[in-house]
Amino acid sequence: MIMYLWTAPGRDTVAFRRASGVSDDQSRARQAAELLLRTGQAATAYIECAYTAMTAATLNSCYVRTGAGWWAQLGQAGHVVWTPFTVSCGSRRDAGQAAEPADADARSGR
């Protein structure tokens, strides 16, 4: 099952906060990230596709990042501009690596 891991990194100032979440719907992941951009709580946002997996040693569930996704920033006239990206496993440490599991209901706004 494909999941969408979204992150809106914060900055060092009080006006910005770091937020992240997981959704099974790309549109909902974009809406959550865009809200933080439009309200000035984040300067950029990222959505990365991941699939659910289970660790072999402990049988815990996790998300495995695919390295494909989108990054966004606020453009002219307040429009959010999404740009696709693809990361090779060699150029980023966490691409293709397991991500921490999250409570999808709590973090995706459901």
PDB file of N, CA and C in Angstrom:
ATOM      1  N   MET A   1       0.843  -1.171   0.000  1.00  0.00           N
ATOM      2  CA  MET A   1       0.000   0.000   0.000  1.00  0.00           C
ATOM      3  C   MET A   1       0.894   1.243   0.000  1.00  0.00           C
ATOM      4  N   ILE A   2       0.609   2.180  -0.890  1.00  0.00           N
ATOM      5  CA  ILE A   2       1.378   3.424  -0.968  1.00  0.00           C
ATOM      6  C   ILE A   2       0.824   4.417   0.040  1.00  0.00           C
ATOM      7  N   MET A   3       1.727   5.033   0.782  1.00  0.00           N
ATOM      8  CA  MET A   3       1.394   6.066   1.757  1.00  0.00           C
ATOM      9  C   MET A   3       2.127   7.335   1.358  1.00  0.00           C
ATOM     10  N   TYR A   4       1.707   8.450   1.912  1.00  0.00           N
ATOM     11  CA  TYR A   4       2.312   9.742   1.611  1.00  0.00           C
ATOM     12  C   TYR A   4       2.786  10.366   2.919  1.00  0.00           C
ATOM     13  N   LEU A   5       4.105  10.476   3.075  1.00  0.00           N
ATOM     14  CA  LEU A   5       4.715  11.062   4.262  1.00  0.00           C
ATOM     15  C   LEU A   5       4.948  12.533   3.971  1.00  0.00           C
ATOM     16  N   TRP A   6       4.332  13.408   4.753  1.00  0.00           N
ATOM     17  CA  TRP A   6       4.510  14.840   4.497  1.00  0.00           C
ATOM     18  C   TRP A   6       5.226  15.491   5.671  1.00  0.00           C
ATOM     19  N   THR A   7       6.036  16.488   5.331  1.00  0.00           N
ATOM     20  CA  THR A   7       6.801  17.227   6.331  1.00  0.00           C
ATOM     21  C   THR A   7       6.818  18.695   5.939  1.00  0.00           C
ATOM     22  N   ALA A   8       6.612  19.544   6.912  1.00  0.00           N
ATOM     23  CA  ALA A   8       6.755  20.990   6.732  1.00  0.00           C
ATOM     24  C   ALA A   8       7.778  21.437   7.778  1.00  0.00           C
ATOM     25  N   PRO A   9       9.059  21.487   7.388  1.00  0.00           N
ATOM     26  CA  PRO A   9      10.099  21.822   8.359  1.00  0.00           C
ATOM     27  C   PRO A   9       9.937  23.236   8.891  1.00  0.00           C
ATOM     28  N   GLY A  10      10.188  23.400  10.157  1.00  0.00           N
ATOM     29  CA  GLY A  10      10.125  24.714  10.775  1.00  0.00           C
ATOM     30  C   GLY A  10      11.444  25.450  10.647  1.00  0.00           C
ATOM     31  N   ARG A  11      11.475  26.604  11.225  1.00  0.00           N
ATOM     32  CA  ARG A  11      12.698  27.400  11.282  1.00  0.00           C
ATOM     33  C   ARG A  11      12.990  27.697  12.736  1.00  0.00           C
ATOM     34  N   ASP A  12      14.033  28.437  12.963  1.00  0.00           N
ATOM     35  CA  ASP A  12      14.444  28.746  14.333  1.00  0.00           C
ATOM     36  C   ASP A  12      13.604  29.818  15.007  1.00  0.00           C
ATOM     37  N   THR A  13      12.665  30.407  14.280  1.00  0.00           N
ATOM     38  CA  THR A  13      11.855  31.461  14.875  1.00  0.00           C
ATOM     39  C   THR A  13      10.556  30.891  15.426  1.00  0.00           C
ATOM     40  N   VAL A  14       9.945  31.614  16.314  1.00  0.00           N
ATOM     41  CA  VAL A  14       8.713  31.161  16.959  1.00  0.00           C
ATOM     42  C   VAL A  14       7.568  31.038  15.949  1.00  0.00           C
ATOM     43  N   ALA A  15       7.559  31.867  14.914  1.00  0.00           N
ATOM     44  CA  ALA A  15       6.457  31.869  13.952  1.00  0.00           C
ATOM     45  C   ALA A  15       6.401  30.583  13.127  1.00  0.00           C
ATOM     46  N   PHE A  16       7.510  29.860  13.045  1.00  0.00           N
ATOM     47  CA  PHE A  16       7.559  28.652  12.241  1.00  0.00           C
ATOM     48  C   PHE A  16       7.554  27.429  13.154  1.00  0.00           C
ATOM     49  N   ARG A  17       6.883  26.378  12.714  1.00  0.00           N
ATOM     50  CA  ARG A  17       6.900  25.135  13.478  1.00  0.00           C
ATOM     51  C   ARG A  17       7.088  23.964  12.524  1.00  0.00           C
ATOM     52  N   ARG A  18       7.637  22.888  13.034  1.00  0.00           N
ATOM     53  CA  ARG A  18       7.831  21.688  12.231  1.00  0.00           C
ATOM     54  C   ARG A  18       6.604  20.803  12.425  1.00  0.00           C
ATOM     55  N   ALA A  19       6.079  20.341  11.323  1.00  0.00           N
ATOM     56  CA  ALA A  19       4.927  19.450  11.383  1.00  0.00           C
ATOM     57  C   ALA A  19       5.137  18.334  10.370  1.00  0.00           C
ATOM     58  N   SER A  20       4.572  17.175  10.654  1.00  0.00           N
ATOM     59  CA  SER A  20       4.665  16.057   9.723  1.00  0.00           C
ATOM     60  C   SER A  20       3.467  15.143   9.920  1.00  0.00           C
ATOM     61  N   GLY A  21       3.233  14.311   8.942  1.00  0.00           N
ATOM     62  CA  GLY A  21       2.112  13.395   9.039  1.00  0.00           C
ATOM     63  C   GLY A  21       2.166  12.319   7.982  1.00  0.00           C
ATOM     64  N   VAL A  22       1.205  11.440   8.036  1.00  0.00           N
ATOM     65  CA  VAL A  22       1.097  10.320   7.111  1.00  0.00           C
ATOM     66  C   VAL A  22      -0.343  10.264   6.623  1.00  0.00           C
ATOM     67  N   SER A  23      -0.508  10.034   5.328  1.00  0.00           N
ATOM     68  CA  SER A  23      -1.851   9.899   4.776  1.00  0.00           C
ATOM     69  C   SER A  23      -1.856   8.793   3.732  1.00  0.00           C
ATOM     70  N   ASP A  24      -3.001   8.170   3.560  1.00  0.00           N
ATOM     71  CA  ASP A  24      -3.147   7.194   2.487  1.00  0.00           C
ATOM     72  C   ASP A  24      -3.714   7.851   1.232  1.00  0.00           C
ATOM     73  N   ASP A  25      -3.825   9.178   1.257  1.00  0.00           N
ATOM     74  CA  ASP A  25      -4.399   9.930   0.150  1.00  0.00           C
ATOM     75  C   ASP A  25      -3.486  11.113  -0.181  1.00  0.00           C
ATOM     76  N   GLN A  26      -3.012  11.163  -1.416  1.00  0.00           N
ATOM     77  CA  GLN A  26      -2.087  12.222  -1.830  1.00  0.00           C
ATOM     78  C   GLN A  26      -2.711  13.605  -1.674  1.00  0.00           C
ATOM     79  N   SER A  27      -3.958  13.750  -2.025  1.00  0.00           N
ATOM     80  CA  SER A  27      -4.637  15.044  -1.935  1.00  0.00           C
ATOM     81  C   SER A  27      -4.708  15.542  -0.494  1.00  0.00           C
ATOM     82  N   ARG A  28      -5.022  14.657   0.444  1.00  0.00           N
ATOM     83  CA  ARG A  28      -5.071  15.063   1.858  1.00  0.00           C
ATOM     84  C   ARG A  28      -3.696  15.436   2.383  1.00  0.00           C
ATOM     85  N   ALA A  29      -2.664  14.733   1.938  1.00  0.00           N
ATOM     86  CA  ALA A  29      -1.301  15.077   2.352  1.00  0.00           C
ATOM     87  C   ALA A  29      -0.940  16.470   1.845  1.00  0.00           C
ATOM     88  N   ARG A  30      -1.289  16.768   0.607  1.00  0.00           N
ATOM     89  CA  ARG A  30      -1.016  18.108   0.048  1.00  0.00           C
ATOM     90  C   ARG A  30      -1.793  19.184   0.794  1.00  0.00           C
ATOM     91  N   GLN A  31      -3.042  18.915   1.089  1.00  0.00           N
ATOM     92  CA  GLN A  31      -3.856  19.908   1.805  1.00  0.00           C
ATOM     93  C   GLN A  31      -3.267  20.224   3.175  1.00  0.00           C
ATOM     94  N   ALA A  32      -2.818  19.205   3.879  1.00  0.00           N
ATOM     95  CA  ALA A  32      -2.240  19.417   5.213  1.00  0.00           C
ATOM     96  C   ALA A  32      -0.977  20.260   5.124  1.00  0.00           C
ATOM     97  N   ALA A  33      -0.109  19.950   4.170  1.00  0.00           N
ATOM     98  CA  ALA A  33       1.136  20.703   4.007  1.00  0.00           C
ATOM     99  C   ALA A  33       0.858  22.125   3.502  1.00  0.00           C
ATOM    100  N   GLU A  34      -0.071  22.268   2.575  1.00  0.00           N
ATOM    101  CA  GLU A  34      -0.387  23.583   2.030  1.00  0.00           C
ATOM    102  C   GLU A  34      -0.948  24.525   3.090  1.00  0.00           C
ATOM    103  N   LEU A  35      -1.713  24.007   4.013  1.00  0.00           N
ATOM    104  CA  LEU A  35      -2.259  24.843   5.085  1.00  0.00           C
ATOM    105  C   LEU A  35      -1.137  25.517   5.872  1.00  0.00           C
ATOM    106  N   LEU A  36      -0.086  24.778   6.176  1.00  0.00           N
ATOM    107  CA  LEU A  36       1.042  25.337   6.917  1.00  0.00           C
ATOM    108  C   LEU A  36       1.802  26.375   6.097  1.00  0.00           C
ATOM    109  N   LEU A  37       1.887  26.164   4.789  1.00  0.00           N
ATOM    110  CA  LEU A  37       2.544  27.143   3.915  1.00  0.00           C
ATOM    111  C   LEU A  37       1.720  28.425   3.819  1.00  0.00           C
ATOM    112  N   ARG A  38       0.434  28.280   3.582  1.00  0.00           N
ATOM    113  CA  ARG A  38      -0.435  29.454   3.393  1.00  0.00           C
ATOM    114  C   ARG A  38      -0.605  30.285   4.653  1.00  0.00           C
ATOM    115  N   THR A  39      -0.517  29.644   5.813  1.00  0.00           N
ATOM    116  CA  THR A  39      -0.668  30.385   7.075  1.00  0.00           C
ATOM    117  C   THR A  39       0.671  30.907   7.603  1.00  0.00           C
ATOM    118  N   GLY A  40       1.754  30.671   6.853  1.00  0.00           N
ATOM    119  CA  GLY A  40       3.059  31.189   7.250  1.00  0.00           C
ATOM    120  C   GLY A  40       3.758  30.386   8.329  1.00  0.00           C
ATOM    121  N   GLN A  41       3.251  29.191   8.627  1.00  0.00           N
ATOM    122  CA  GLN A  41       3.874  28.371   9.660  1.00  0.00           C
ATOM    123  C   GLN A  41       5.042  27.544   9.141  1.00  0.00           C
ATOM    124  N   ALA A  42       5.199  27.487   7.823  1.00  0.00           N
ATOM    125  CA  ALA A  42       6.315  26.780   7.205  1.00  0.00           C
ATOM    126  C   ALA A  42       6.698  27.509   5.927  1.00  0.00           C
ATOM    127  N   ALA A  43       7.966  27.401   5.552  1.00  0.00           N
ATOM    128  CA  ALA A  43       8.441  28.035   4.328  1.00  0.00           C
ATOM    129  C   ALA A  43       8.493  27.050   3.163  1.00  0.00           C
ATOM    130  N   THR A  44       8.661  25.767   3.477  1.00  0.00           N
ATOM    131  CA  THR A  44       8.687  24.717   2.468  1.00  0.00           C
ATOM    132  C   THR A  44       7.932  23.507   3.022  1.00  0.00           C
ATOM    133  N   ALA A  45       7.613  22.585   2.124  1.00  0.00           N
ATOM    134  CA  ALA A  45       6.968  21.334   2.524  1.00  0.00           C
ATOM    135  C   ALA A  45       7.403  20.241   1.561  1.00  0.00           C
ATOM    136  N   TYR A  46       7.359  19.016   2.038  1.00  0.00           N
ATOM    137  CA  TYR A  46       7.753  17.868   1.234  1.00  0.00           C
ATOM    138  C   TYR A  46       6.737  16.755   1.421  1.00  0.00           C
ATOM    139  N   ILE A  47       6.466  16.043   0.340  1.00  0.00           N
ATOM    140  CA  ILE A  47       5.665  14.823   0.407  1.00  0.00           C
ATOM    141  C   ILE A  47       6.489  13.747  -0.278  1.00  0.00           C
ATOM    142  N   GLU A  48       6.662  12.625   0.395  1.00  0.00           N
ATOM    143  CA  GLU A  48       7.388  11.519  -0.209  1.00  0.00           C
ATOM    144  C   GLU A  48       6.527  10.269  -0.177  1.00  0.00           C
ATOM    145  N   CYS A  49       6.511   9.547  -1.289  1.00  0.00           N
ATOM    146  CA  CYS A  49       5.787   8.286  -1.360  1.00  0.00           C
ATOM    147  C   CYS A  49       6.547   7.234  -0.558  1.00  0.00           C
ATOM    148  N   ALA A  50       5.798   6.381   0.099  1.00  0.00           N
ATOM    149  CA  ALA A  50       6.388   5.288   0.868  1.00  0.00           C
ATOM    150  C   ALA A  50       5.430   4.103   0.807  1.00  0.00           C
ATOM    151  N   TYR A  51       5.951   2.950   1.082  1.00  0.00           N
ATOM    152  CA  TYR A  51       5.069   1.790   1.177  1.00  0.00           C
ATOM    153  C   TYR A  51       5.200   1.182   2.560  1.00  0.00           C
ATOM    154  N   THR A  52       4.164   0.508   2.966  1.00  0.00           N
ATOM    155  CA  THR A  52       4.179  -0.114   4.280  1.00  0.00           C
ATOM    156  C   THR A  52       4.935  -1.441   4.188  1.00  0.00           C
ATOM    157  N   ALA A  53       5.655  -1.736   5.248  1.00  0.00           N
ATOM    158  CA  ALA A  53       6.438  -2.972   5.299  1.00  0.00           C
ATOM    159  C   ALA A  53       6.497  -3.443   6.745  1.00  0.00           C
ATOM    160  N   MET A  54       7.145  -4.559   6.932  1.00  0.00           N
ATOM    161  CA  MET A  54       7.315  -5.107   8.273  1.00  0.00           C
ATOM    162  C   MET A  54       8.790  -5.454   8.445  1.00  0.00           C
ATOM    163  N   THR A  55       9.366  -5.053   9.572  1.00  0.00           N
ATOM    164  CA  THR A  55      10.766  -5.375   9.820  1.00  0.00           C
ATOM    165  C   THR A  55      10.904  -6.876  10.075  1.00  0.00           C
ATOM    166  N   ALA A  56      11.969  -7.449   9.586  1.00  0.00           N
ATOM    167  CA  ALA A  56      12.159  -8.893   9.697  1.00  0.00           C
ATOM    168  C   ALA A  56      12.469  -9.323  11.133  1.00  0.00           C
ATOM    169  N   ALA A  57      13.273  -8.552  11.826  1.00  0.00           N
ATOM    170  CA  ALA A  57      13.720  -8.964  13.155  1.00  0.00           C
ATOM    171  C   ALA A  57      12.613  -8.875  14.203  1.00  0.00           C
ATOM    172  N   THR A  58      11.829  -7.800  14.162  1.00  0.00           N
ATOM    173  CA  THR A  58      10.851  -7.574  15.224  1.00  0.00           C
ATOM    174  C   THR A  58       9.400  -7.668  14.767  1.00  0.00           C
ATOM    175  N   LEU A  59       9.178  -7.767  13.465  1.00  0.00           N
ATOM    176  CA  LEU A  59       7.838  -7.805  12.878  1.00  0.00           C
ATOM    177  C   LEU A  59       7.030  -6.542  13.176  1.00  0.00           C
ATOM    178  N   ASN A  60       7.725  -5.425  13.421  1.00  0.00           N
ATOM    179  CA  ASN A  60       7.062  -4.136  13.584  1.00  0.00           C
ATOM    180  C   ASN A  60       6.777  -3.544  12.210  1.00  0.00           C
ATOM    181  N   SER A  61       5.694  -2.797  12.104  1.00  0.00           N
ATOM    182  CA  SER A  61       5.389  -2.153  10.831  1.00  0.00           C
ATOM    183  C   SER A  61       6.219  -0.884  10.689  1.00  0.00           C
ATOM    184  N   CYS A  62       6.475  -0.526   9.445  1.00  0.00           N
ATOM    185  CA  CYS A  62       7.245   0.688   9.164  1.00  0.00           C
ATOM    186  C   CYS A  62       6.865   1.183   7.774  1.00  0.00           C
ATOM    187  N   TYR A  63       7.369   2.350   7.417  1.00  0.00           N
ATOM    188  CA  TYR A  63       7.199   2.894   6.077  1.00  0.00           C
ATOM    189  C   TYR A  63       8.566   2.888   5.409  1.00  0.00           C
ATOM    190  N   VAL A  64       8.618   2.455   4.163  1.00  0.00           N
ATOM    191  CA  VAL A  64       9.861   2.460   3.400  1.00  0.00           C
ATOM    192  C   VAL A  64       9.731   3.541   2.336  1.00  0.00           C
ATOM    193  N   ARG A  65      10.593   4.532   2.437  1.00  0.00           N
ATOM    194  CA  ARG A  65      10.561   5.666   1.497  1.00  0.00           C
ATOM    195  C   ARG A  65      10.986   5.205   0.104  1.00  0.00           C
ATOM    196  N   THR A  66      10.290   5.708  -0.910  1.00  0.00           N
ATOM    197  CA  THR A  66      10.605   5.328  -2.285  1.00  0.00           C
ATOM    198  C   THR A  66      11.622   6.268  -2.928  1.00  0.00           C
ATOM    199  N   GLY A  67      11.761   7.469  -2.391  1.00  0.00           N
ATOM    200  CA  GLY A  67      12.653   8.450  -2.991  1.00  0.00           C
ATOM    201  C   GLY A  67      11.959   9.326  -4.025  1.00  0.00           C
ATOM    202  N   ALA A  68      10.670   9.112  -4.239  1.00  0.00           N
ATOM    203  CA  ALA A  68       9.901   9.917  -5.189  1.00  0.00           C
ATOM    204  C   ALA A  68       8.879  10.746  -4.416  1.00  0.00           C
ATOM    205  N   GLY A  69       8.710  11.984  -4.841  1.00  0.00           N
ATOM    206  CA  GLY A  69       7.736  12.828  -4.169  1.00  0.00           C
ATOM    207  C   GLY A  69       7.700  14.219  -4.751  1.00  0.00           C
ATOM    208  N   TRP A  70       7.296  15.181  -3.931  1.00  0.00           N
ATOM    209  CA  TRP A  70       7.138  16.566  -4.341  1.00  0.00           C
ATOM    210  C   TRP A  70       7.612  17.475  -3.216  1.00  0.00           C
ATOM    211  N   TRP A  71       8.166  18.617  -3.561  1.00  0.00           N
ATOM    212  CA  TRP A  71       8.458  19.653  -2.574  1.00  0.00           C
ATOM    213  C   TRP A  71       7.692  20.892  -2.987  1.00  0.00           C
ATOM    214  N   ALA A  72       7.357  21.717  -2.024  1.00  0.00           N
ATOM    215  CA  ALA A  72       6.506  22.876  -2.311  1.00  0.00           C
ATOM    216  C   ALA A  72       7.017  24.107  -1.599  1.00  0.00           C
ATOM    217  N   GLN A  73       6.672  25.220  -2.180  1.00  0.00           N
ATOM    218  CA  GLN A  73       6.882  26.514  -1.547  1.00  0.00           C
ATOM    219  C   GLN A  73       5.787  27.446  -2.037  1.00  0.00           C
ATOM    220  N   LEU A  74       5.603  28.509  -1.299  1.00  0.00           N
ATOM    221  CA  LEU A  74       4.580  29.478  -1.652  1.00  0.00           C
ATOM    222  C   LEU A  74       5.081  30.340  -2.795  1.00  0.00           C
ATOM    223  N   GLY A  75       4.316  30.373  -3.880  1.00  0.00           N
ATOM    224  CA  GLY A  75       4.703  31.163  -5.040  1.00  0.00           C
ATOM    225  C   GLY A  75       4.012  32.513  -5.046  1.00  0.00           C
ATOM    226  N   GLN A  76       4.034  33.125  -6.192  1.00  0.00           N
ATOM    227  CA  GLN A  76       3.403  34.432  -6.349  1.00  0.00           C
ATOM    228  C   GLN A  76       1.899  34.324  -6.141  1.00  0.00           C
ATOM    229  N   ALA A  77       1.318  35.368  -5.632  1.00  0.00           N
ATOM    230  CA  ALA A  77      -0.129  35.469  -5.407  1.00  0.00           C
ATOM    231  C   ALA A  77      -0.643  34.409  -4.438  1.00  0.00           C
ATOM    232  N   GLY A  78       0.242  33.877  -3.603  1.00  0.00           N
ATOM    233  CA  GLY A  78      -0.200  32.931  -2.584  1.00  0.00           C
ATOM    234  C   GLY A  78      -0.477  31.525  -3.064  1.00  0.00           C
ATOM    235  N   HIS A  79      -0.090  31.208  -4.294  1.00  0.00           N
ATOM    236  CA  HIS A  79      -0.292  29.864  -4.821  1.00  0.00           C
ATOM    237  C   HIS A  79       0.845  28.956  -4.369  1.00  0.00           C
ATOM    238  N   VAL A  80       0.505  27.743  -3.967  1.00  0.00           N
ATOM    239  CA  VAL A  80       1.527  26.766  -3.597  1.00  0.00           C
ATOM    240  C   VAL A  80       2.007  26.073  -4.868  1.00  0.00           C
ATOM    241  N   VAL A  81       3.317  26.062  -5.055  1.00  0.00           N
ATOM    242  CA  VAL A  81       3.916  25.456  -6.239  1.00  0.00           C
ATOM    243  C   VAL A  81       4.570  24.137  -5.824  1.00  0.00           C
ATOM    244  N   TRP A  82       4.111  23.026  -6.410  1.00  0.00           N
ATOM    245  CA  TRP A  82       4.643  21.703  -6.127  1.00  0.00           C
ATOM    246  C   TRP A  82       5.571  21.287  -7.260  1.00  0.00           C
ATOM    247  N   THR A  83       6.757  20.803  -6.911  1.00  0.00           N
ATOM    248  CA  THR A  83       7.750  20.372  -7.884  1.00  0.00           C
ATOM    249  C   THR A  83       8.124  18.915  -7.597  1.00  0.00           C
ATOM    250  N   PRO A  84       7.999  18.031  -8.581  1.00  0.00           N
ATOM    251  CA  PRO A  84       8.345  16.630  -8.336  1.00  0.00           C
ATOM    252  C   PRO A  84       9.841  16.444  -8.127  1.00  0.00           C
ATOM    253  N   PHE A  85      10.204  15.446  -7.341  1.00  0.00           N
ATOM    254  CA  PHE A  85      11.607  15.084  -7.174  1.00  0.00           C
ATOM    255  C   PHE A  85      11.738  13.564  -7.136  1.00  0.00           C
ATOM    256  N   THR A  86      12.926  13.111  -7.471  1.00  0.00           N
ATOM    257  CA  THR A  86      13.293  11.705  -7.350  1.00  0.00           C
ATOM    258  C   THR A  86      14.676  11.670  -6.747  1.00  0.00           C
ATOM    259  N   VAL A  87      14.843  10.862  -5.728  1.00  0.00           N
ATOM    260  CA  VAL A  87      16.114  10.765  -5.024  1.00  0.00           C
ATOM    261  C   VAL A  87      16.659   9.362  -5.225  1.00  0.00           C
ATOM    262  N   SER A  88      17.922   9.288  -5.631  1.00  0.00           N
ATOM    263  CA  SER A  88      18.535   7.960  -5.718  1.00  0.00           C
ATOM    264  C   SER A  88      19.008   7.538  -4.339  1.00  0.00           C
ATOM    265  N   CYS A  89      19.057   6.265  -4.104  1.00  0.00           N
ATOM    266  CA  CYS A  89      19.436   5.751  -2.778  1.00  0.00           C
ATOM    267  C   CYS A  89      20.825   6.217  -2.368  1.00  0.00           C
ATOM    268  N   GLY A  90      21.714   6.426  -3.306  1.00  0.00           N
ATOM    269  CA  GLY A  90      23.068   6.836  -2.964  1.00  0.00           C
ATOM    270  C   GLY A  90      23.198   8.293  -2.589  1.00  0.00           C
ATOM    271  N   SER A  91      22.225   9.123  -2.967  1.00  0.00           N
ATOM    272  CA  SER A  91      22.383  10.552  -2.719  1.00  0.00           C
ATOM    273  C   SER A  91      21.687  11.027  -1.457  1.00  0.00           C
ATOM    274  N   ARG A  92      20.874  10.191  -0.841  1.00  0.00           N
ATOM    275  CA  ARG A  92      20.228  10.578   0.417  1.00  0.00           C
ATOM    276  C   ARG A  92      20.143   9.367   1.320  1.00  0.00           C
ATOM    277  N   ARG A  93      20.534   9.519   2.532  1.00  0.00           N
ATOM    278  CA  ARG A  93      20.651   8.410   3.460  1.00  0.00           C
ATOM    279  C   ARG A  93      19.326   7.697   3.692  1.00  0.00           C
ATOM    280  N   ASP A  94      18.209   8.430   3.789  1.00  0.00           N
ATOM    281  CA  ASP A  94      16.959   7.778   4.158  1.00  0.00           C
ATOM    282  C   ASP A  94      16.127   7.289   2.978  1.00  0.00           C
ATOM    283  N   ALA A  95      16.517   7.561   1.738  1.00  0.00           N
ATOM    284  CA  ALA A  95      15.761   7.033   0.604  1.00  0.00           C
ATOM    285  C   ALA A  95      15.899   5.519   0.582  1.00  0.00           C
ATOM    286  N   GLY A  96      14.802   4.827   0.499  1.00  0.00           N
ATOM    287  CA  GLY A  96      14.810   3.381   0.504  1.00  0.00           C
ATOM    288  C   GLY A  96      14.973   2.775   1.883  1.00  0.00           C
ATOM    289  N   GLN A  97      15.043   3.610   2.904  1.00  0.00           N
ATOM    290  CA  GLN A  97      15.194   3.140   4.273  1.00  0.00           C
ATOM    291  C   GLN A  97      13.854   3.216   4.994  1.00  0.00           C
ATOM    292  N   ALA A  98      13.726   2.439   6.017  1.00  0.00           N
ATOM    293  CA  ALA A  98      12.486   2.425   6.787  1.00  0.00           C
ATOM    294  C   ALA A  98      12.338   3.715   7.574  1.00  0.00           C
ATOM    295  N   ALA A  99      11.152   4.251   7.587  1.00  0.00           N
ATOM    296  CA  ALA A  99      10.817   5.430   8.390  1.00  0.00           C
ATOM    297  C   ALA A  99      10.058   4.948   9.611  1.00  0.00           C
ATOM    298  N   GLU A 100      10.060   5.750  10.651  1.00  0.00           N
ATOM    299  CA  GLU A 100       9.344   5.393  11.864  1.00  0.00           C
ATOM    300  C   GLU A 100       7.850   5.284  11.575  1.00  0.00           C
ATOM    301  N   PRO A 101       7.189   4.266  12.092  1.00  0.00           N
ATOM    302  CA  PRO A 101       5.742   4.184  11.908  1.00  0.00           C
ATOM    303  C   PRO A 101       5.068   5.318  12.664  1.00  0.00           C
ATOM    304  N   ALA A 102       3.931   5.719  12.168  1.00  0.00           N
ATOM    305  CA  ALA A 102       3.192   6.813  12.801  1.00  0.00           C
ATOM    306  C   ALA A 102       1.740   6.410  12.963  1.00  0.00           C
ATOM    307  N   ASP A 103       1.087   7.070  13.870  1.00  0.00           N
ATOM    308  CA  ASP A 103      -0.341   6.871  14.047  1.00  0.00           C
ATOM    309  C   ASP A 103      -1.027   7.622  12.911  1.00  0.00           C
ATOM    310  N   ALA A 104      -1.382   6.922  11.850  1.00  0.00           N
ATOM    311  CA  ALA A 104      -1.912   7.566  10.646  1.00  0.00           C
ATOM    312  C   ALA A 104      -3.174   8.358  10.926  1.00  0.00           C
ATOM    313  N   ASP A 105      -4.055   7.864  11.775  1.00  0.00           N
ATOM    314  CA  ASP A 105      -5.284   8.590  12.066  1.00  0.00           C
ATOM    315  C   ASP A 105      -5.005   9.909  12.771  1.00  0.00           C
ATOM    316  N   ALA A 106      -4.104   9.912  13.727  1.00  0.00           N
ATOM    317  CA  ALA A 106      -3.829  11.125  14.493  1.00  0.00           C
ATOM    318  C   ALA A 106      -3.055  12.139  13.678  1.00  0.00           C
ATOM    319  N   ARG A 107      -2.148  11.686  12.837  1.00  0.00           N
ATOM    320  CA  ARG A 107      -1.259  12.603  12.149  1.00  0.00           C
ATOM    321  C   ARG A 107      -1.780  13.056  10.799  1.00  0.00           C
ATOM    322  N   SER A 108      -2.743  12.338  10.218  1.00  0.00           N
ATOM    323  CA  SER A 108      -3.239  12.733   8.903  1.00  0.00           C
ATOM    324  C   SER A 108      -4.525  13.536   8.980  1.00  0.00           C
ATOM    325  N   GLY A 109      -5.000  13.782  10.182  1.00  0.00           N
ATOM    326  CA  GLY A 109      -6.189  14.612  10.321  1.00  0.00           C
ATOM    327  C   GLY A 109      -7.476  13.864  10.212  1.00  0.00           C
ATOM    328  N   ARG A 110      -7.458  12.532  10.211  1.00  0.00           N
ATOM    329  CA  ARG A 110      -8.701  11.761  10.150  1.00  0.00           C
ATOM    330  C   ARG A 110      -9.284  11.585  11.519  1.00  0.00           C
TER     331      ARG A 110
END
